[in-house]
Amino acid sequence: MTDLAQITNIVAPQIEAFEKEYADQLKSSVTLANTITDYLNKRRGKQLRPLLTLISAGACQGEISQHSIKMAVAMELLHNSSLIHDDVVDDSSLRRGIPTVNNTWGNKIAVLSGDFYLAKVMTLLCRHASPEEMEVVNGTAVSMSEGELLQQQTAHSLNLDESNYIATIEKKTASLIAACCEIGCLAGKKNDYTENLRQFGLHFGLAFQMRDDMLDYMPEANTGKPYGNDLQERKMTLPLLNYLAMTDPSRKEILLKQIADGVDEIIAMQIVAEVSHSGAMEKTQSRINTEVSTAIDALKPLPDSIYKQAMIDLATLLTRK
């Protein structure tokens, strides 16, 4: 079976060029800015968003230009700007097992660092983006901000349903992934496949976030991430919503009261065990599989290529147990 490393290897030269461009864009005359950039580079993840930007360009254009590499940098900068700001909003102390910027330097420096990354996005777009690309990225930034506000608006409500959850993750997560695919497809000019790529990214993004939320209830996954955190932060994600929908009313009432009052690690682990053995996880995975299928269907009009297959393989990874 194809894994992420094999998919990434398809665009290995472009990823190398992306890394150099990313580093060049973040160079600053301010020592603290460079120190924080070096620190953040130690915890960078799988770089899914630049990967999607690059293989989308290949799938739609038949090649990956220097322009697409610059746009991949812009999308990764936007993503990292949002992570820095989100950590401040959520008062997070760790991300990927490493202390956050706000935990290390304080909220003021973290907010300014997030602004610095966002300003770098704007600089790249002003110099290189087409009007169509500018519109996509600007609309995405608005959507991501609305998603965070929506999450904060409902943060203290335990009466959320699946539609609220979907609306939030579509704005916070899926909109950026959809934009990466659309920007890659545009490659500086209008293209017949941009809507197909946007739909692929949107449904892939929904599936990606649902899968990430599942990991909070899967200690056996050995991802290196802590689990049970969403419960302790009172986040109503799809696995929990599915469990609440299938459990009896009396148990549901007890669970909601426990979450409202605040659960410690021990109670969180008890609820994780309940959810993971209830059938809620299988129901969540079924929804993920549906989103993946919809994403792959959106690619049908594209000509066959190694890049199109890479996108299909990347989406299929989310369906594996």
Protein backbone atom coordinates (compact mmCIF):
# COMPACT_ATOMS: atom_id res chain seq x y z
CA MET A 1 0.00 0.00 0.00
CA THR A 2 1.16 3.51 -0.84
CA ASP A 3 2.15 5.55 2.21
CA LEU A 4 2.69 9.27 2.79
CA ALA A 5 6.44 9.05 2.26
CA GLN A 6 5.97 7.46 -1.18
CA ILE A 7 3.43 10.13 -2.16
CA THR A 8 5.74 12.93 -1.01
CA ASN A 9 8.63 11.38 -2.93
CA ILE A 10 6.77 12.01 -6.20
CA VAL A 11 7.40 15.73 -5.73
CA ALA A 12 10.70 15.44 -3.84
CA PRO A 13 12.60 18.05 -5.94
CA GLN A 14 9.72 20.52 -5.60
CA ILE A 15 9.50 19.92 -1.85
CA GLU A 16 13.21 20.66 -1.60
CA ALA A 17 12.69 23.91 -3.53
CA PHE A 18 9.70 24.70 -1.30
CA GLU A 19 11.82 24.28 1.84
CA LYS A 20 14.44 26.70 0.54
CA GLU A 21 11.83 29.27 -0.51
CA TYR A 22 10.03 28.92 2.83
CA ALA A 23 13.25 29.58 4.75
CA ASP A 24 14.15 32.53 2.53
CA GLN A 25 10.73 34.15 2.99
CA LEU A 26 11.02 34.07 6.79
CA LYS A 27 14.47 35.65 7.08
CA SER A 28 14.34 38.78 9.19
CA SER A 29 16.64 41.52 10.44
CA VAL A 30 15.10 40.98 13.90
CA THR A 31 16.93 38.31 15.89
CA LEU A 32 13.85 37.28 17.89
CA ALA A 33 11.86 36.65 14.70
CA ASN A 34 14.62 34.35 13.40
CA THR A 35 14.87 32.59 16.77
CA ILE A 36 11.15 31.83 16.80
CA THR A 37 11.21 30.68 13.17
CA ASP A 38 14.08 28.28 13.94
CA TYR A 39 12.17 27.03 16.97
CA LEU A 40 8.97 26.45 14.99
CA ASN A 41 10.82 24.64 12.21
CA LYS A 42 11.73 21.94 14.74
CA ARG A 43 8.06 21.00 15.18
CA ARG A 44 6.74 21.25 11.64
CA GLY A 45 4.43 18.38 10.76
CA LYS A 46 3.85 16.41 7.58
CA GLN A 47 3.49 19.57 5.49
CA LEU A 48 0.26 18.30 4.03
CA ARG A 49 -0.85 21.67 2.67
CA PRO A 50 2.19 22.41 0.51
CA LEU A 51 2.12 18.80 -0.67
CA LEU A 52 -1.49 19.20 -1.76
CA THR A 53 -0.70 22.50 -3.48
CA LEU A 54 2.13 20.93 -5.46
CA ILE A 55 0.42 17.70 -6.54
CA SER A 56 -2.72 19.66 -7.44
CA ALA A 57 -0.58 21.79 -9.75
CA GLY A 58 0.85 18.67 -11.33
CA ALA A 59 -2.58 17.08 -11.73
CA CYS A 60 -4.09 20.14 -13.44
CA GLN A 61 -1.12 21.62 -15.29
CA GLY A 62 0.99 18.56 -16.03
CA GLU A 63 3.95 20.25 -14.35
CA ILE A 64 4.88 22.09 -11.16
CA SER A 65 6.23 25.57 -11.77
CA GLN A 66 8.25 27.89 -9.56
CA HIS A 67 5.08 29.94 -9.23
CA SER A 68 3.27 26.98 -7.65
CA ILE A 69 6.16 26.50 -5.23
CA LYS A 70 5.80 30.11 -4.09
CA MET A 71 2.05 29.63 -3.64
CA ALA A 72 2.73 26.47 -1.61
CA VAL A 73 4.94 28.60 0.66
CA ALA A 74 2.16 31.17 1.03
CA MET A 75 -0.35 28.49 2.05
CA GLU A 76 2.04 26.96 4.59
CA LEU A 77 2.75 30.39 6.06
CA LEU A 78 -1.00 31.03 6.36
CA HIS A 79 -1.47 27.67 8.07
CA ASN A 80 1.34 28.29 10.56
CA SER A 81 0.11 31.82 11.28
CA SER A 82 -3.27 30.35 12.21
CA LEU A 83 -1.66 27.72 14.47
CA ILE A 84 0.30 30.34 16.41
CA HIS A 85 -2.83 32.43 16.92
CA ASP A 86 -4.98 29.39 17.77
CA ASP A 87 -2.55 28.37 20.51
CA VAL A 88 -2.98 31.79 22.10
CA VAL A 89 -6.78 31.60 21.86
CA ASP A 90 -6.86 28.07 23.28
CA ASP A 91 -4.16 28.80 25.88
CA SER A 92 -2.32 25.72 24.59
CA SER A 93 0.99 24.85 26.20
CA LEU A 94 2.07 22.11 23.78
CA ARG A 95 1.81 21.42 20.05
CA ARG A 96 3.24 18.20 18.64
CA GLY A 97 4.86 17.59 22.01
CA ILE A 98 6.85 20.85 21.99
CA PRO A 99 6.01 23.97 24.06
CA THR A 100 4.06 26.52 22.04
CA VAL A 101 5.30 30.01 21.21
CA ASN A 102 2.88 31.52 23.72
CA ASN A 103 4.05 29.11 26.40
CA THR A 104 7.71 29.91 25.70
CA TRP A 105 7.66 33.65 24.96
CA GLY A 106 4.21 34.74 26.17
CA ASN A 107 1.02 35.79 24.41
CA LYS A 108 2.27 39.17 23.20
CA ILE A 109 5.22 37.71 21.32
CA ALA A 110 3.05 34.86 20.00
CA VAL A 111 0.43 37.22 18.57
CA LEU A 112 3.14 39.33 16.94
CA SER A 113 4.80 36.20 15.52
CA GLY A 114 1.52 35.05 14.02
CA ASP A 115 1.10 38.52 12.52
CA PHE A 116 4.64 38.33 11.10
CA TYR A 117 3.80 35.06 9.30
CA LEU A 118 0.55 36.54 8.01
CA ALA A 119 2.37 39.62 6.73
CA LYS A 120 4.75 37.32 4.85
CA VAL A 121 1.72 35.69 3.20
CA MET A 122 0.51 39.10 2.08
CA THR A 123 3.96 39.99 0.72
CA LEU A 124 4.14 36.81 -1.37
CA LEU A 125 0.63 37.27 -2.72
CA CYS A 126 1.18 40.92 -3.65
CA ARG A 127 4.33 40.05 -5.57
CA HIS A 128 3.32 36.82 -7.28
CA ALA A 129 -0.39 35.92 -7.03
CA SER A 130 -2.93 36.38 -9.81
CA PRO A 131 -6.22 38.16 -9.00
CA GLU A 132 -7.95 34.75 -8.88
CA GLU A 133 -5.39 33.43 -6.40
CA MET A 134 -5.66 36.57 -4.28
CA GLU A 135 -9.43 36.09 -4.10
CA VAL A 136 -9.09 32.45 -3.05
CA VAL A 137 -6.59 33.15 -0.27
CA ASN A 138 -8.38 36.23 1.04
CA GLY A 139 -11.69 34.36 1.16
CA THR A 140 -10.00 31.48 2.96
CA ALA A 141 -8.49 33.77 5.60
CA VAL A 142 -11.97 35.18 6.28
CA SER A 143 -13.44 31.68 6.50
CA MET A 144 -10.75 30.48 8.92
CA SER A 145 -11.33 33.49 11.16
CA GLU A 146 -15.08 32.88 11.10
CA GLY A 147 -14.47 29.24 11.98
CA GLU A 148 -12.46 30.20 15.05
CA LEU A 149 -15.13 32.70 16.09
CA LEU A 150 -17.83 30.08 15.57
CA GLN A 151 -15.91 27.63 17.74
CA GLN A 152 -15.55 30.24 20.47
CA GLN A 153 -19.22 31.15 20.16
CA THR A 154 -20.23 27.55 20.84
CA ALA A 155 -17.36 26.68 23.21
CA HIS A 156 -19.53 26.58 26.32
CA SER A 157 -22.50 24.85 24.71
CA LEU A 158 -22.85 21.09 25.02
CA ASN A 159 -25.99 21.00 22.89
CA LEU A 160 -24.14 20.98 19.59
CA ASP A 161 -25.25 18.68 16.79
CA GLU A 162 -23.42 17.31 13.79
CA SER A 163 -24.35 20.27 11.59
CA ASN A 164 -22.65 22.71 14.02
CA TYR A 165 -19.58 20.52 14.08
CA ILE A 166 -19.40 20.27 10.28
CA ALA A 167 -19.86 24.03 9.88
CA THR A 168 -16.95 24.69 12.23
CA ILE A 169 -14.45 22.24 10.75
CA GLU A 170 -15.39 23.29 7.21
CA LYS A 171 -14.42 26.87 7.99
CA LYS A 172 -11.44 26.17 10.26
CA THR A 173 -9.77 23.25 8.48
CA ALA A 174 -11.38 22.22 5.22
CA SER A 175 -11.47 25.72 3.72
CA LEU A 176 -7.66 26.00 3.85
CA ILE A 177 -7.11 22.54 2.39
CA ALA A 178 -9.62 23.32 -0.38
CA ALA A 179 -7.75 26.57 -1.08
CA CYS A 180 -4.42 24.72 -1.35
CA CYS A 181 -5.87 22.43 -4.00
CA GLU A 182 -7.56 25.28 -5.86
CA ILE A 183 -4.44 27.47 -5.78
CA GLY A 184 -2.35 24.57 -7.05
CA CYS A 185 -4.77 23.97 -9.88
CA LEU A 186 -4.93 27.65 -10.84
CA ALA A 187 -1.13 27.97 -11.05
CA GLY A 188 -1.54 31.66 -11.83
CA LYS A 189 -4.35 31.40 -14.35
CA LYS A 190 -7.92 30.18 -14.73
CA ASN A 191 -8.36 26.46 -15.29
CA ASP A 192 -11.24 24.17 -16.19
CA TYR A 193 -10.55 21.94 -13.18
CA THR A 194 -10.43 24.48 -10.34
CA GLU A 195 -13.91 23.65 -9.03
CA ASN A 196 -13.10 19.94 -9.10
CA LEU A 197 -9.97 20.57 -7.06
CA ARG A 198 -11.83 22.81 -4.62
CA GLN A 199 -14.41 20.08 -4.06
CA PHE A 200 -11.68 17.47 -3.62
CA GLY A 201 -9.93 19.66 -1.03
CA LEU A 202 -13.13 20.51 0.80
CA HIS A 203 -14.22 16.90 1.29
CA PHE A 204 -10.67 15.71 1.91
CA GLY A 205 -10.35 18.45 4.54
CA LEU A 206 -13.54 17.37 6.29
CA ALA A 207 -12.36 13.76 6.34
CA PHE A 208 -8.91 14.81 7.54
CA GLN A 209 -10.30 16.73 10.52
CA MET A 210 -12.74 13.94 11.42
CA ARG A 211 -9.86 11.47 11.36
CA ASP A 212 -7.75 13.77 13.52
CA ASP A 213 -10.63 14.02 15.99
CA MET A 214 -10.87 10.23 16.07
CA LEU A 215 -7.26 9.99 17.21
CA ASP A 216 -8.24 11.64 20.49
CA TYR A 217 -10.20 8.46 21.23
CA MET A 218 -7.57 6.03 19.90
CA PRO A 219 -4.71 5.55 22.40
CA GLU A 220 -3.77 2.39 20.49
CA ALA A 221 -2.91 4.48 17.41
CA ASN A 222 0.48 5.43 18.93
CA THR A 223 0.58 8.76 17.12
CA GLY A 224 2.65 10.46 19.78
CA LYS A 225 -0.22 12.84 20.40
CA PRO A 226 -1.93 13.05 23.78
CA TYR A 227 -5.48 11.69 23.81
CA GLY A 228 -8.56 12.61 25.80
CA ASN A 229 -7.60 16.28 25.45
CA ASP A 230 -10.74 17.23 23.52
CA LEU A 231 -12.87 16.00 26.41
CA GLN A 232 -10.86 17.95 28.93
CA GLU A 233 -11.23 21.04 26.72
CA ARG A 234 -14.98 20.36 26.33
CA LYS A 235 -14.73 19.99 22.56
CA MET A 236 -17.72 18.21 21.03
CA THR A 237 -16.20 16.33 18.12
CA LEU A 238 -17.85 13.75 15.88
CA PRO A 239 -16.89 10.57 17.81
CA LEU A 240 -18.42 12.01 21.01
CA LEU A 241 -21.49 13.35 19.16
CA ASN A 242 -22.05 9.92 17.63
CA TYR A 243 -21.72 8.27 21.03
CA LEU A 244 -24.13 10.68 22.68
CA ALA A 245 -26.65 10.01 19.92
CA MET A 246 -26.55 6.25 20.48
CA THR A 247 -26.34 6.04 24.29
CA ASP A 248 -29.35 5.95 26.58
CA PRO A 249 -30.74 9.29 27.84
CA SER A 250 -29.74 8.76 31.47
CA ARG A 251 -26.11 8.01 30.60
CA LYS A 252 -26.08 10.93 28.17
CA GLU A 253 -27.25 13.28 30.91
CA ILE A 254 -24.50 12.07 33.26
CA LEU A 255 -21.83 12.45 30.58
CA LEU A 256 -22.90 15.96 29.65
CA LYS A 257 -22.86 17.00 33.31
CA GLN A 258 -19.39 15.51 33.78
CA ILE A 259 -18.06 17.35 30.73
CA ALA A 260 -19.77 20.60 31.77
CA ASP A 261 -18.25 20.39 35.26
CA GLY A 262 -14.83 19.60 33.81
CA VAL A 263 -13.26 16.15 33.55
CA ASP A 264 -9.84 15.21 34.86
CA GLU A 265 -7.54 12.78 33.07
CA ILE A 266 -8.98 9.71 34.80
CA ILE A 267 -12.59 10.47 33.88
CA ALA A 268 -11.52 11.48 30.39
CA MET A 269 -9.89 8.08 29.91
CA GLN A 270 -13.06 6.35 31.12
CA ILE A 271 -15.15 8.25 28.56
CA VAL A 272 -12.56 7.54 25.85
CA ALA A 273 -12.93 3.82 26.59
CA GLU A 274 -16.73 4.07 26.40
CA VAL A 275 -16.66 5.91 23.09
CA SER A 276 -14.02 3.68 21.52
CA HIS A 277 -15.99 0.50 22.31
CA SER A 278 -19.47 1.78 21.51
CA GLY A 279 -19.68 1.73 17.73
CA ALA A 280 -19.31 5.50 17.59
CA MET A 281 -15.85 5.16 16.09
CA GLU A 282 -17.11 2.90 13.31
CA LYS A 283 -19.87 5.41 12.57
CA THR A 284 -17.31 8.22 12.43
CA GLN A 285 -15.07 6.20 10.11
CA SER A 286 -18.05 5.52 7.86
CA ARG A 287 -18.62 9.28 7.52
CA ILE A 288 -14.91 9.73 6.76
CA ASN A 289 -15.11 7.08 4.05
CA THR A 290 -18.09 8.89 2.50
CA GLU A 291 -16.20 12.20 2.43
CA VAL A 292 -13.16 10.50 0.89
CA SER A 293 -15.31 8.87 -1.77
CA THR A 294 -16.87 12.25 -2.63
CA ALA A 295 -13.40 13.82 -2.80
CA ILE A 296 -12.08 11.16 -5.17
CA ASP A 297 -15.17 11.38 -7.37
CA ALA A 298 -14.44 15.09 -7.86
CA LEU A 299 -11.17 14.16 -9.60
CA LYS A 300 -12.79 12.00 -12.31
CA PRO A 301 -12.72 14.69 -15.05
CA LEU A 302 -8.95 15.19 -14.64
CA PRO A 303 -6.62 13.35 -17.02
CA ASP A 304 -4.82 10.38 -15.52
CA SER A 305 -1.35 11.17 -14.18
CA ILE A 306 0.98 10.28 -11.34
CA TYR A 307 -0.17 13.45 -9.59
CA LYS A 308 -3.86 12.61 -9.83
CA GLN A 309 -3.09 9.12 -8.51
CA ALA A 310 -1.08 10.68 -5.68
CA MET A 311 -4.15 12.70 -4.67
CA ILE A 312 -6.32 9.58 -4.73
CA ASP A 313 -3.74 7.65 -2.69
CA LEU A 314 -3.45 10.51 -0.18
CA ALA A 315 -7.23 10.57 0.36
CA THR A 316 -7.36 6.79 0.63
CA LEU A 317 -4.91 6.89 3.56
CA LEU A 318 -7.74 8.35 5.66
CA THR A 319 -9.86 5.23 5.17
CA ARG A 320 -7.30 2.86 6.65
CA LYS A 321 -7.72 1.55 10.16
